[in-house]
Amino acid sequence: VDKKRTFERSFICGPTYQRTTFGDEIALTNDSMENEFLKVTINSNGTFNLTDKENKREYKNLHCFEDTGEVGDYWINLPPFNNRTYVSTASNASVWLENNGKLSATIGIKVDMELPKSGDRPNCFFGVGTKRSDDTDNLTIVSYLTLNRGCRRLDVKVEIKNNIKDHRLRVLYPTE
């Protein structure tokens, strides 16, 4: 530090002078984005609605995760006798704007599902005692939706932290 010197600034900077949007980005809010062909709106439960502007069709509640028990093996899909099915729409999602610009935008969605830790199959696969365990653990799903300018598709990347055993996880896209 040199007390004899002073600093002269000819402009003012700070949060009030920094623009966060110029109006021509793909995402104009933290939970929606739009280009010439598609509009994407994120719902509070982590699903999204997709509007196809060319065909004037809207697809609602896409990207729901369904988890169900599985006590079979590599060749046999076998739900437990007292199976329980869980859906991600029963949880609240964290939604954020990952990046945004004139050429593309990405929205992140995080969903946590509390699920049975494993499947129980006491004697054999087909026994009446097969069930999902009473102990639970957290399954974390993070999705990244990217929309590019001039593109007729939405890119979806999903990362799953899978702590659950003996289960089947599906993603649902009801398109009629």
N, C-alpha and C. Protein backbone atom coordinates (compact mmCIF):
# COMPACT_ATOMS: atom_id res chain seq x y z
N VAL A 1 0.86 -1.17 0.00
CA VAL A 1 0.00 0.00 0.00
C VAL A 1 0.90 1.22 0.00
N ASP A 2 0.63 2.15 -0.92
CA ASP A 2 1.40 3.39 -1.02
C ASP A 2 0.45 4.55 -0.75
N LYS A 3 0.54 5.18 0.40
CA LYS A 3 -0.39 6.24 0.79
C LYS A 3 -0.24 7.49 -0.08
N LYS A 4 0.85 7.66 -0.76
CA LYS A 4 1.08 8.87 -1.52
C LYS A 4 0.37 8.86 -2.87
N ARG A 5 -0.12 7.67 -3.31
CA ARG A 5 -0.78 7.56 -4.60
C ARG A 5 -2.29 7.52 -4.44
N THR A 6 -3.01 8.06 -5.39
CA THR A 6 -4.47 7.96 -5.42
C THR A 6 -4.88 7.27 -6.70
N PHE A 7 -6.09 6.68 -6.68
CA PHE A 7 -6.60 5.96 -7.85
C PHE A 7 -7.81 6.71 -8.38
N GLU A 8 -7.77 7.08 -9.62
CA GLU A 8 -8.88 7.78 -10.26
C GLU A 8 -9.62 6.79 -11.16
N ARG A 9 -10.94 6.70 -10.99
CA ARG A 9 -11.76 5.82 -11.82
C ARG A 9 -12.72 6.68 -12.62
N SER A 10 -12.75 6.45 -13.93
CA SER A 10 -13.62 7.27 -14.78
C SER A 10 -14.97 6.61 -15.04
N PHE A 11 -15.21 5.45 -14.49
CA PHE A 11 -16.51 4.79 -14.67
C PHE A 11 -16.94 4.17 -13.34
N ILE A 12 -18.23 3.82 -13.27
CA ILE A 12 -18.78 3.21 -12.06
C ILE A 12 -19.09 1.75 -12.38
N CYS A 13 -18.67 0.86 -11.48
CA CYS A 13 -19.02 -0.55 -11.68
C CYS A 13 -19.64 -1.08 -10.40
N GLY A 14 -20.35 -2.17 -10.52
CA GLY A 14 -21.02 -2.78 -9.37
C GLY A 14 -22.21 -3.55 -9.84
N PRO A 15 -22.89 -4.25 -8.94
CA PRO A 15 -24.00 -5.12 -9.33
C PRO A 15 -25.12 -4.39 -10.06
N THR A 16 -25.40 -3.15 -9.71
CA THR A 16 -26.52 -2.47 -10.36
C THR A 16 -26.20 -2.08 -11.79
N TYR A 17 -24.93 -2.09 -12.17
CA TYR A 17 -24.55 -1.70 -13.52
C TYR A 17 -24.20 -2.89 -14.40
N GLN A 18 -24.26 -4.08 -13.87
CA GLN A 18 -23.93 -5.27 -14.64
C GLN A 18 -25.22 -5.91 -15.13
N ARG A 19 -25.40 -5.95 -16.42
CA ARG A 19 -26.61 -6.55 -17.00
C ARG A 19 -26.50 -8.06 -16.94
N THR A 20 -27.59 -8.72 -16.58
CA THR A 20 -27.59 -10.18 -16.56
C THR A 20 -28.28 -10.75 -17.79
N THR A 21 -29.04 -9.95 -18.50
CA THR A 21 -29.70 -10.41 -19.72
C THR A 21 -29.77 -9.26 -20.71
N PHE A 22 -29.68 -9.60 -21.97
CA PHE A 22 -29.79 -8.62 -23.03
C PHE A 22 -31.08 -8.83 -23.82
N GLY A 23 -31.88 -9.84 -23.43
CA GLY A 23 -33.17 -10.07 -24.06
C GLY A 23 -33.14 -11.01 -25.25
N ASP A 24 -31.96 -11.44 -25.69
CA ASP A 24 -31.90 -12.34 -26.83
C ASP A 24 -31.32 -13.71 -26.48
N GLU A 25 -31.25 -14.03 -25.18
CA GLU A 25 -30.78 -15.33 -24.75
C GLU A 25 -31.89 -16.37 -24.91
N ILE A 26 -31.49 -17.64 -24.88
CA ILE A 26 -32.44 -18.74 -25.04
C ILE A 26 -33.38 -18.81 -23.83
N ALA A 27 -32.83 -18.67 -22.63
CA ALA A 27 -33.64 -18.73 -21.40
C ALA A 27 -33.86 -17.31 -20.89
N LEU A 28 -35.12 -16.94 -20.72
CA LEU A 28 -35.42 -15.62 -20.16
C LEU A 28 -35.82 -15.71 -18.70
N THR A 29 -36.01 -16.94 -18.18
CA THR A 29 -36.25 -17.17 -16.75
C THR A 29 -35.40 -18.37 -16.34
N ASN A 30 -35.35 -18.65 -15.03
CA ASN A 30 -34.56 -19.77 -14.53
C ASN A 30 -35.20 -21.13 -14.82
N ASP A 31 -36.49 -21.14 -15.16
CA ASP A 31 -37.17 -22.42 -15.35
C ASP A 31 -37.86 -22.55 -16.72
N SER A 32 -37.44 -21.75 -17.69
CA SER A 32 -37.99 -21.91 -19.04
C SER A 32 -36.98 -21.42 -20.08
N MET A 33 -37.07 -22.01 -21.25
CA MET A 33 -36.22 -21.59 -22.36
C MET A 33 -36.96 -21.84 -23.66
N GLU A 34 -36.53 -21.13 -24.69
CA GLU A 34 -37.30 -21.16 -25.94
C GLU A 34 -36.40 -20.78 -27.11
N ASN A 35 -36.58 -21.51 -28.22
CA ASN A 35 -35.95 -21.11 -29.47
C ASN A 35 -37.03 -21.00 -30.53
N GLU A 36 -36.65 -21.01 -31.80
CA GLU A 36 -37.62 -20.85 -32.88
C GLU A 36 -38.61 -22.00 -32.99
N PHE A 37 -38.22 -23.19 -32.51
CA PHE A 37 -39.02 -24.39 -32.72
C PHE A 37 -39.63 -24.98 -31.46
N LEU A 38 -38.97 -24.80 -30.31
CA LEU A 38 -39.40 -25.45 -29.08
C LEU A 38 -39.47 -24.46 -27.92
N LYS A 39 -40.35 -24.76 -27.00
CA LYS A 39 -40.42 -24.04 -25.73
C LYS A 39 -40.44 -25.08 -24.62
N VAL A 40 -39.60 -24.89 -23.60
CA VAL A 40 -39.49 -25.84 -22.48
C VAL A 40 -39.79 -25.08 -21.20
N THR A 41 -40.70 -25.63 -20.40
CA THR A 41 -41.03 -25.06 -19.09
C THR A 41 -40.89 -26.14 -18.04
N ILE A 42 -40.10 -25.85 -17.00
CA ILE A 42 -39.86 -26.84 -15.95
C ILE A 42 -40.95 -26.73 -14.89
N ASN A 43 -41.49 -27.86 -14.46
CA ASN A 43 -42.48 -27.90 -13.39
C ASN A 43 -41.79 -28.05 -12.04
N SER A 44 -42.48 -27.71 -10.96
CA SER A 44 -41.87 -27.74 -9.62
C SER A 44 -41.46 -29.14 -9.18
N ASN A 45 -42.04 -30.19 -9.76
CA ASN A 45 -41.69 -31.56 -9.38
C ASN A 45 -40.57 -32.15 -10.23
N GLY A 46 -39.96 -31.34 -11.11
CA GLY A 46 -38.83 -31.81 -11.90
C GLY A 46 -39.19 -32.30 -13.29
N THR A 47 -40.47 -32.47 -13.59
CA THR A 47 -40.87 -32.80 -14.96
C THR A 47 -40.86 -31.51 -15.78
N PHE A 48 -41.03 -31.64 -17.08
CA PHE A 48 -41.11 -30.44 -17.90
C PHE A 48 -42.18 -30.58 -18.97
N ASN A 49 -42.66 -29.44 -19.43
CA ASN A 49 -43.60 -29.38 -20.54
C ASN A 49 -42.83 -28.91 -21.76
N LEU A 50 -43.08 -29.56 -22.89
CA LEU A 50 -42.40 -29.23 -24.13
C LEU A 50 -43.43 -28.83 -25.17
N THR A 51 -43.28 -27.65 -25.74
CA THR A 51 -44.18 -27.18 -26.79
C THR A 51 -43.45 -27.22 -28.11
N ASP A 52 -44.03 -27.93 -29.07
CA ASP A 52 -43.54 -27.98 -30.44
C ASP A 52 -44.27 -26.87 -31.19
N LYS A 53 -43.58 -25.78 -31.47
CA LYS A 53 -44.22 -24.61 -32.08
C LYS A 53 -44.66 -24.87 -33.52
N GLU A 54 -43.89 -25.65 -34.26
CA GLU A 54 -44.25 -25.92 -35.66
C GLU A 54 -45.55 -26.70 -35.78
N ASN A 55 -45.71 -27.73 -34.94
CA ASN A 55 -46.90 -28.59 -35.01
C ASN A 55 -47.98 -28.17 -34.02
N LYS A 56 -47.70 -27.13 -33.25
CA LYS A 56 -48.67 -26.61 -32.26
C LYS A 56 -49.15 -27.70 -31.31
N ARG A 57 -48.17 -28.49 -30.76
CA ARG A 57 -48.49 -29.55 -29.81
C ARG A 57 -47.72 -29.32 -28.54
N GLU A 58 -48.37 -29.61 -27.42
CA GLU A 58 -47.71 -29.50 -26.13
C GLU A 58 -47.71 -30.86 -25.45
N TYR A 59 -46.53 -31.25 -24.97
CA TYR A 59 -46.37 -32.51 -24.25
C TYR A 59 -46.09 -32.16 -22.80
N LYS A 60 -46.94 -32.64 -21.89
CA LYS A 60 -46.85 -32.25 -20.49
C LYS A 60 -46.27 -33.35 -19.62
N ASN A 61 -45.62 -32.93 -18.53
CA ASN A 61 -45.09 -33.81 -17.49
C ASN A 61 -44.12 -34.87 -18.02
N LEU A 62 -43.23 -34.45 -18.91
CA LEU A 62 -42.19 -35.34 -19.43
C LEU A 62 -41.06 -35.44 -18.41
N HIS A 63 -40.34 -36.52 -18.44
CA HIS A 63 -39.13 -36.71 -17.63
C HIS A 63 -39.46 -37.03 -16.17
N CYS A 64 -40.45 -37.90 -15.98
CA CYS A 64 -40.80 -38.42 -14.65
C CYS A 64 -40.04 -39.74 -14.46
N PHE A 65 -39.47 -39.92 -13.28
CA PHE A 65 -38.76 -41.16 -12.99
C PHE A 65 -39.64 -42.07 -12.16
N GLU A 66 -39.64 -43.36 -12.52
CA GLU A 66 -40.43 -44.37 -11.82
C GLU A 66 -39.47 -45.46 -11.33
N ASP A 67 -39.55 -45.76 -10.04
CA ASP A 67 -38.69 -46.78 -9.46
C ASP A 67 -39.56 -47.89 -8.89
N THR A 68 -39.20 -49.13 -9.22
CA THR A 68 -39.95 -50.28 -8.74
C THR A 68 -38.97 -51.38 -8.34
N GLY A 69 -39.44 -52.33 -7.57
CA GLY A 69 -38.58 -53.41 -7.09
C GLY A 69 -38.21 -54.38 -8.19
N GLU A 70 -37.09 -55.06 -8.00
CA GLU A 70 -36.61 -56.05 -8.96
C GLU A 70 -35.81 -57.09 -8.19
N VAL A 71 -36.32 -58.33 -8.14
CA VAL A 71 -35.62 -59.40 -7.43
C VAL A 71 -35.22 -60.54 -8.37
N GLY A 72 -35.29 -60.27 -9.67
CA GLY A 72 -34.88 -61.28 -10.65
C GLY A 72 -33.37 -61.29 -10.81
N ASP A 73 -32.93 -61.79 -11.95
CA ASP A 73 -31.50 -61.80 -12.25
C ASP A 73 -31.29 -61.17 -13.62
N TYR A 74 -30.17 -61.48 -14.25
CA TYR A 74 -29.84 -60.87 -15.53
C TYR A 74 -30.85 -61.20 -16.63
N TRP A 75 -31.50 -62.35 -16.54
CA TRP A 75 -32.38 -62.81 -17.60
C TRP A 75 -33.86 -62.67 -17.28
N ILE A 76 -34.18 -62.58 -16.01
CA ILE A 76 -35.59 -62.57 -15.61
C ILE A 76 -35.91 -61.26 -14.91
N ASN A 77 -36.88 -60.54 -15.45
CA ASN A 77 -37.39 -59.35 -14.78
C ASN A 77 -38.51 -59.81 -13.85
N LEU A 78 -38.28 -59.66 -12.53
CA LEU A 78 -39.25 -60.18 -11.57
C LEU A 78 -39.46 -59.19 -10.44
N PRO A 79 -40.65 -58.59 -10.37
CA PRO A 79 -40.93 -57.70 -9.24
C PRO A 79 -41.15 -58.52 -7.98
N PRO A 80 -40.83 -57.96 -6.81
CA PRO A 80 -41.08 -58.70 -5.57
C PRO A 80 -42.57 -58.89 -5.34
N PHE A 81 -42.88 -59.86 -4.50
CA PHE A 81 -44.27 -60.21 -4.22
C PHE A 81 -45.05 -59.00 -3.68
N ASN A 82 -44.51 -58.31 -2.73
CA ASN A 82 -45.16 -57.10 -2.19
C ASN A 82 -44.42 -55.87 -2.71
N ASN A 83 -44.55 -55.63 -3.99
CA ASN A 83 -43.81 -54.57 -4.64
C ASN A 83 -44.36 -53.19 -4.28
N ARG A 84 -43.48 -52.21 -4.25
CA ARG A 84 -43.88 -50.81 -4.08
C ARG A 84 -43.24 -50.02 -5.21
N THR A 85 -44.01 -49.13 -5.80
CA THR A 85 -43.53 -48.30 -6.90
C THR A 85 -43.51 -46.85 -6.44
N TYR A 86 -42.44 -46.13 -6.78
CA TYR A 86 -42.26 -44.73 -6.39
C TYR A 86 -42.07 -43.90 -7.66
N VAL A 87 -42.57 -42.66 -7.65
CA VAL A 87 -42.38 -41.75 -8.78
C VAL A 87 -41.76 -40.45 -8.29
N SER A 88 -40.95 -39.84 -9.14
CA SER A 88 -40.26 -38.61 -8.78
C SER A 88 -41.20 -37.42 -8.66
N THR A 89 -42.38 -37.52 -9.23
CA THR A 89 -43.33 -36.39 -9.16
C THR A 89 -43.83 -36.15 -7.74
N ALA A 90 -43.57 -37.09 -6.83
CA ALA A 90 -43.98 -36.92 -5.44
C ALA A 90 -42.96 -36.06 -4.67
N SER A 91 -41.85 -35.69 -5.30
CA SER A 91 -40.84 -34.89 -4.60
C SER A 91 -40.71 -33.51 -5.24
N ASN A 92 -40.19 -32.57 -4.44
CA ASN A 92 -39.88 -31.26 -4.98
C ASN A 92 -38.50 -31.30 -5.61
N ALA A 93 -38.33 -30.56 -6.68
CA ALA A 93 -37.07 -30.55 -7.39
C ALA A 93 -36.36 -29.21 -7.17
N SER A 94 -35.04 -29.25 -7.25
CA SER A 94 -34.24 -28.03 -7.29
C SER A 94 -34.01 -27.72 -8.77
N VAL A 95 -34.28 -26.49 -9.17
CA VAL A 95 -34.14 -26.09 -10.57
C VAL A 95 -33.24 -24.86 -10.63
N TRP A 96 -32.28 -24.87 -11.56
CA TRP A 96 -31.41 -23.71 -11.71
C TRP A 96 -31.01 -23.54 -13.17
N LEU A 97 -30.61 -22.33 -13.51
CA LEU A 97 -30.12 -22.01 -14.84
C LEU A 97 -28.61 -22.24 -14.84
N GLU A 98 -28.18 -23.29 -15.52
CA GLU A 98 -26.77 -23.68 -15.54
C GLU A 98 -25.95 -22.72 -16.40
N ASN A 99 -26.42 -22.45 -17.62
CA ASN A 99 -25.79 -21.44 -18.45
C ASN A 99 -26.81 -20.91 -19.45
N ASN A 100 -26.52 -19.74 -19.99
CA ASN A 100 -27.49 -19.08 -20.84
C ASN A 100 -26.76 -18.14 -21.79
N GLY A 101 -27.15 -18.16 -23.03
CA GLY A 101 -26.55 -17.26 -24.00
C GLY A 101 -27.41 -17.17 -25.25
N LYS A 102 -26.88 -16.50 -26.26
CA LYS A 102 -27.62 -16.32 -27.52
C LYS A 102 -27.73 -17.61 -28.31
N LEU A 103 -26.78 -18.54 -28.12
CA LEU A 103 -26.75 -19.76 -28.92
C LEU A 103 -27.28 -20.99 -28.21
N SER A 104 -27.23 -21.03 -26.89
CA SER A 104 -27.75 -22.19 -26.16
C SER A 104 -28.00 -21.82 -24.71
N ALA A 105 -28.82 -22.64 -24.05
CA ALA A 105 -29.09 -22.50 -22.62
C ALA A 105 -29.22 -23.90 -22.03
N THR A 106 -28.83 -24.03 -20.77
CA THR A 106 -28.95 -25.30 -20.06
C THR A 106 -29.59 -25.05 -18.70
N ILE A 107 -30.63 -25.84 -18.41
CA ILE A 107 -31.30 -25.79 -17.11
C ILE A 107 -31.00 -27.09 -16.38
N GLY A 108 -30.63 -26.97 -15.10
CA GLY A 108 -30.36 -28.14 -14.27
C GLY A 108 -31.55 -28.45 -13.37
N ILE A 109 -31.79 -29.73 -13.17
CA ILE A 109 -32.89 -30.20 -12.30
C ILE A 109 -32.34 -31.30 -11.40
N LYS A 110 -32.53 -31.15 -10.09
CA LYS A 110 -32.09 -32.17 -9.15
C LYS A 110 -33.31 -32.71 -8.40
N VAL A 111 -33.44 -34.03 -8.40
CA VAL A 111 -34.54 -34.70 -7.70
C VAL A 111 -33.93 -35.75 -6.77
N ASP A 112 -34.37 -35.76 -5.52
CA ASP A 112 -33.97 -36.78 -4.56
C ASP A 112 -35.17 -37.68 -4.27
N MET A 113 -34.97 -38.98 -4.40
CA MET A 113 -36.03 -39.95 -4.12
C MET A 113 -35.59 -40.84 -2.96
N GLU A 114 -36.42 -40.93 -1.94
CA GLU A 114 -36.17 -41.82 -0.81
C GLU A 114 -36.76 -43.18 -1.16
N LEU A 115 -35.89 -44.20 -1.30
CA LEU A 115 -36.32 -45.50 -1.81
C LEU A 115 -35.86 -46.63 -0.88
N PRO A 116 -36.53 -47.78 -0.95
CA PRO A 116 -36.04 -48.94 -0.20
C PRO A 116 -34.63 -49.29 -0.66
N LYS A 117 -33.77 -49.61 0.31
CA LYS A 117 -32.35 -49.85 0.03
C LYS A 117 -32.09 -51.04 -0.88
N SER A 118 -32.92 -52.07 -0.76
CA SER A 118 -32.65 -53.30 -1.52
C SER A 118 -33.92 -54.12 -1.64
N GLY A 119 -33.78 -55.23 -2.33
CA GLY A 119 -34.87 -56.19 -2.42
C GLY A 119 -34.52 -57.40 -1.57
N ASP A 120 -35.52 -57.99 -0.94
CA ASP A 120 -35.30 -59.18 -0.13
C ASP A 120 -35.90 -60.38 -0.85
N ARG A 121 -35.10 -61.43 -1.00
CA ARG A 121 -35.58 -62.68 -1.60
C ARG A 121 -35.05 -63.81 -0.74
N PRO A 122 -35.80 -64.21 0.28
CA PRO A 122 -35.32 -65.13 1.30
C PRO A 122 -34.87 -66.50 0.77
N ASN A 123 -35.70 -67.18 0.00
CA ASN A 123 -35.35 -68.54 -0.40
C ASN A 123 -35.15 -68.68 -1.90
N CYS A 124 -36.05 -68.14 -2.65
CA CYS A 124 -35.94 -68.25 -4.11
C CYS A 124 -36.59 -67.02 -4.74
N PHE A 125 -36.36 -66.85 -6.00
CA PHE A 125 -36.88 -65.68 -6.70
C PHE A 125 -38.41 -65.62 -6.69
N PHE A 126 -39.05 -66.76 -6.74
CA PHE A 126 -40.50 -66.78 -6.90
C PHE A 126 -41.24 -66.95 -5.58
N GLY A 127 -40.51 -66.91 -4.48
CA GLY A 127 -41.14 -67.13 -3.17
C GLY A 127 -42.03 -65.98 -2.75
N VAL A 128 -43.01 -66.30 -1.91
CA VAL A 128 -43.96 -65.31 -1.41
C VAL A 128 -43.27 -64.29 -0.53
N GLY A 129 -42.13 -64.59 0.05
CA GLY A 129 -41.46 -63.69 0.96
C GLY A 129 -40.65 -62.58 0.30
N THR A 130 -40.60 -62.55 -1.03
CA THR A 130 -39.83 -61.50 -1.69
C THR A 130 -40.51 -60.15 -1.47
N LYS A 131 -39.71 -59.13 -1.20
CA LYS A 131 -40.26 -57.79 -0.97
C LYS A 131 -39.14 -56.77 -1.06
N ARG A 132 -39.52 -55.50 -1.05
CA ARG A 132 -38.54 -54.42 -0.95
C ARG A 132 -38.25 -54.18 0.52
N SER A 133 -37.02 -53.85 0.85
CA SER A 133 -36.62 -53.70 2.26
C SER A 133 -37.31 -52.50 2.91
N ASP A 134 -37.38 -52.53 4.23
CA ASP A 134 -37.95 -51.41 4.99
C ASP A 134 -36.93 -50.29 5.19
N ASP A 135 -35.64 -50.62 5.12
CA ASP A 135 -34.60 -49.60 5.21
C ASP A 135 -34.57 -48.80 3.92
N THR A 136 -34.35 -47.49 4.03
CA THR A 136 -34.36 -46.63 2.84
C THR A 136 -33.02 -45.92 2.67
N ASP A 137 -32.82 -45.41 1.48
CA ASP A 137 -31.65 -44.60 1.15
C ASP A 137 -32.07 -43.60 0.08
N ASN A 138 -31.21 -42.66 -0.19
CA ASN A 138 -31.51 -41.58 -1.13
C ASN A 138 -30.94 -41.90 -2.51
N LEU A 139 -31.77 -41.72 -3.53
CA LEU A 139 -31.33 -41.81 -4.92
C LEU A 139 -31.38 -40.40 -5.48
N THR A 140 -30.23 -39.88 -5.94
CA THR A 140 -30.16 -38.52 -6.46
C THR A 140 -30.07 -38.55 -7.97
N ILE A 141 -30.95 -37.79 -8.62
CA ILE A 141 -30.98 -37.69 -10.08
C ILE A 141 -30.79 -36.23 -10.45
N VAL A 142 -29.75 -35.96 -11.24
CA VAL A 142 -29.51 -34.61 -11.73
C VAL A 142 -29.61 -34.64 -13.26
N SER A 143 -30.49 -33.81 -13.79
CA SER A 143 -30.69 -33.75 -15.24
C SER A 143 -30.29 -32.38 -15.76
N TYR A 144 -29.74 -32.36 -16.95
CA TYR A 144 -29.37 -31.12 -17.62
C TYR A 144 -30.09 -31.07 -18.96
N LEU A 145 -30.95 -30.08 -19.14
CA LEU A 145 -31.69 -29.90 -20.38
C LEU A 145 -31.03 -28.77 -21.16
N THR A 146 -30.61 -29.03 -22.39
CA THR A 146 -29.94 -28.02 -23.20
C THR A 146 -30.74 -27.79 -24.48
N LEU A 147 -31.01 -26.52 -24.73
CA LEU A 147 -31.71 -26.12 -25.96
C LEU A 147 -30.79 -25.18 -26.73
N ASN A 148 -30.56 -25.51 -28.00
CA ASN A 148 -29.70 -24.70 -28.87
C ASN A 148 -30.55 -23.90 -29.84
N ARG A 149 -30.07 -22.72 -30.19
CA ARG A 149 -30.76 -21.89 -31.16
C ARG A 149 -30.80 -22.63 -32.50
N GLY A 150 -31.96 -22.58 -33.16
CA GLY A 150 -32.12 -23.18 -34.47
C GLY A 150 -32.23 -24.70 -34.47
N CYS A 151 -32.37 -25.31 -33.30
CA CYS A 151 -32.39 -26.77 -33.19
C CYS A 151 -33.81 -27.26 -32.92
N ARG A 152 -34.18 -28.36 -33.55
CA ARG A 152 -35.52 -28.93 -33.39
C ARG A 152 -35.57 -30.02 -32.33
N ARG A 153 -34.54 -30.11 -31.49
CA ARG A 153 -34.53 -31.13 -30.44
C ARG A 153 -34.03 -30.51 -29.15
N LEU A 154 -34.39 -31.17 -28.06
CA LEU A 154 -33.92 -30.82 -26.73
C LEU A 154 -32.95 -31.91 -26.30
N ASP A 155 -31.73 -31.53 -25.90
CA ASP A 155 -30.75 -32.50 -25.43
C ASP A 155 -30.91 -32.68 -23.93
N VAL A 156 -30.92 -33.93 -23.48
CA VAL A 156 -31.10 -34.26 -22.07
C VAL A 156 -29.95 -35.14 -21.61
N LYS A 157 -29.27 -34.72 -20.55
CA LYS A 157 -28.19 -35.50 -19.94
C LYS A 157 -28.62 -35.79 -18.50
N VAL A 158 -28.51 -37.04 -18.08
CA VAL A 158 -28.94 -37.45 -16.74
C VAL A 158 -27.78 -38.11 -16.01
N GLU A 159 -27.55 -37.67 -14.77
CA GLU A 159 -26.56 -38.28 -13.89
C GLU A 159 -27.29 -38.83 -12.67
N ILE A 160 -27.01 -40.09 -12.32
CA ILE A 160 -27.71 -40.73 -11.21
C ILE A 160 -26.69 -41.23 -10.19
N LYS A 161 -26.88 -40.85 -8.94
CA LYS A 161 -26.08 -41.42 -7.85
C LYS A 161 -26.92 -42.56 -7.28
N ASN A 162 -26.57 -43.77 -7.69
CA ASN A 162 -27.40 -44.93 -7.39
C ASN A 162 -26.86 -45.67 -6.16
N ASN A 163 -27.55 -45.50 -5.02
CA ASN A 163 -27.21 -46.22 -3.79
C ASN A 163 -28.17 -47.37 -3.53
N ILE A 164 -29.06 -47.63 -4.46
CA ILE A 164 -30.14 -48.60 -4.25
C ILE A 164 -29.80 -49.90 -4.98
N LYS A 165 -30.16 -51.04 -4.35
CA LYS A 165 -29.94 -52.35 -4.97
C LYS A 165 -31.29 -52.97 -5.30
N ASP A 166 -31.26 -53.87 -6.25
CA ASP A 166 -32.45 -54.67 -6.59
C ASP A 166 -33.64 -53.79 -6.94
N HIS A 167 -33.47 -52.93 -7.94
CA HIS A 167 -34.58 -52.08 -8.36
C HIS A 167 -34.48 -51.81 -9.85
N ARG A 168 -35.56 -51.28 -10.42
CA ARG A 168 -35.59 -50.89 -11.83
C ARG A 168 -36.03 -49.45 -11.88
N LEU A 169 -35.22 -48.60 -12.48
CA LEU A 169 -35.52 -47.18 -12.62
C LEU A 169 -35.79 -46.89 -14.09
N ARG A 170 -36.93 -46.26 -14.34
CA ARG A 170 -37.30 -45.89 -15.70
C ARG A 170 -37.59 -44.40 -15.77
N VAL A 171 -37.38 -43.81 -16.92
CA VAL A 171 -37.80 -42.42 -17.14
C VAL A 171 -38.99 -42.46 -18.09
N LEU A 172 -40.00 -41.66 -17.81
CA LEU A 172 -41.25 -41.71 -18.56
C LEU A 172 -41.44 -40.43 -19.37
N TYR A 173 -41.81 -40.61 -20.62
CA TYR A 173 -42.11 -39.51 -21.53
C TYR A 173 -43.48 -39.76 -22.16
N PRO A 174 -44.56 -39.41 -21.46
CA PRO A 174 -45.90 -39.65 -22.02
C PRO A 174 -46.17 -38.70 -23.19
N THR A 175 -46.23 -39.24 -24.41
CA THR A 175 -46.42 -38.41 -25.59
C THR A 175 -47.73 -38.69 -26.31
N GLU A 176 -48.63 -39.42 -25.67
CA GLU A 176 -49.92 -39.80 -26.26
C GLU A 176 -49.71 -40.68 -27.48
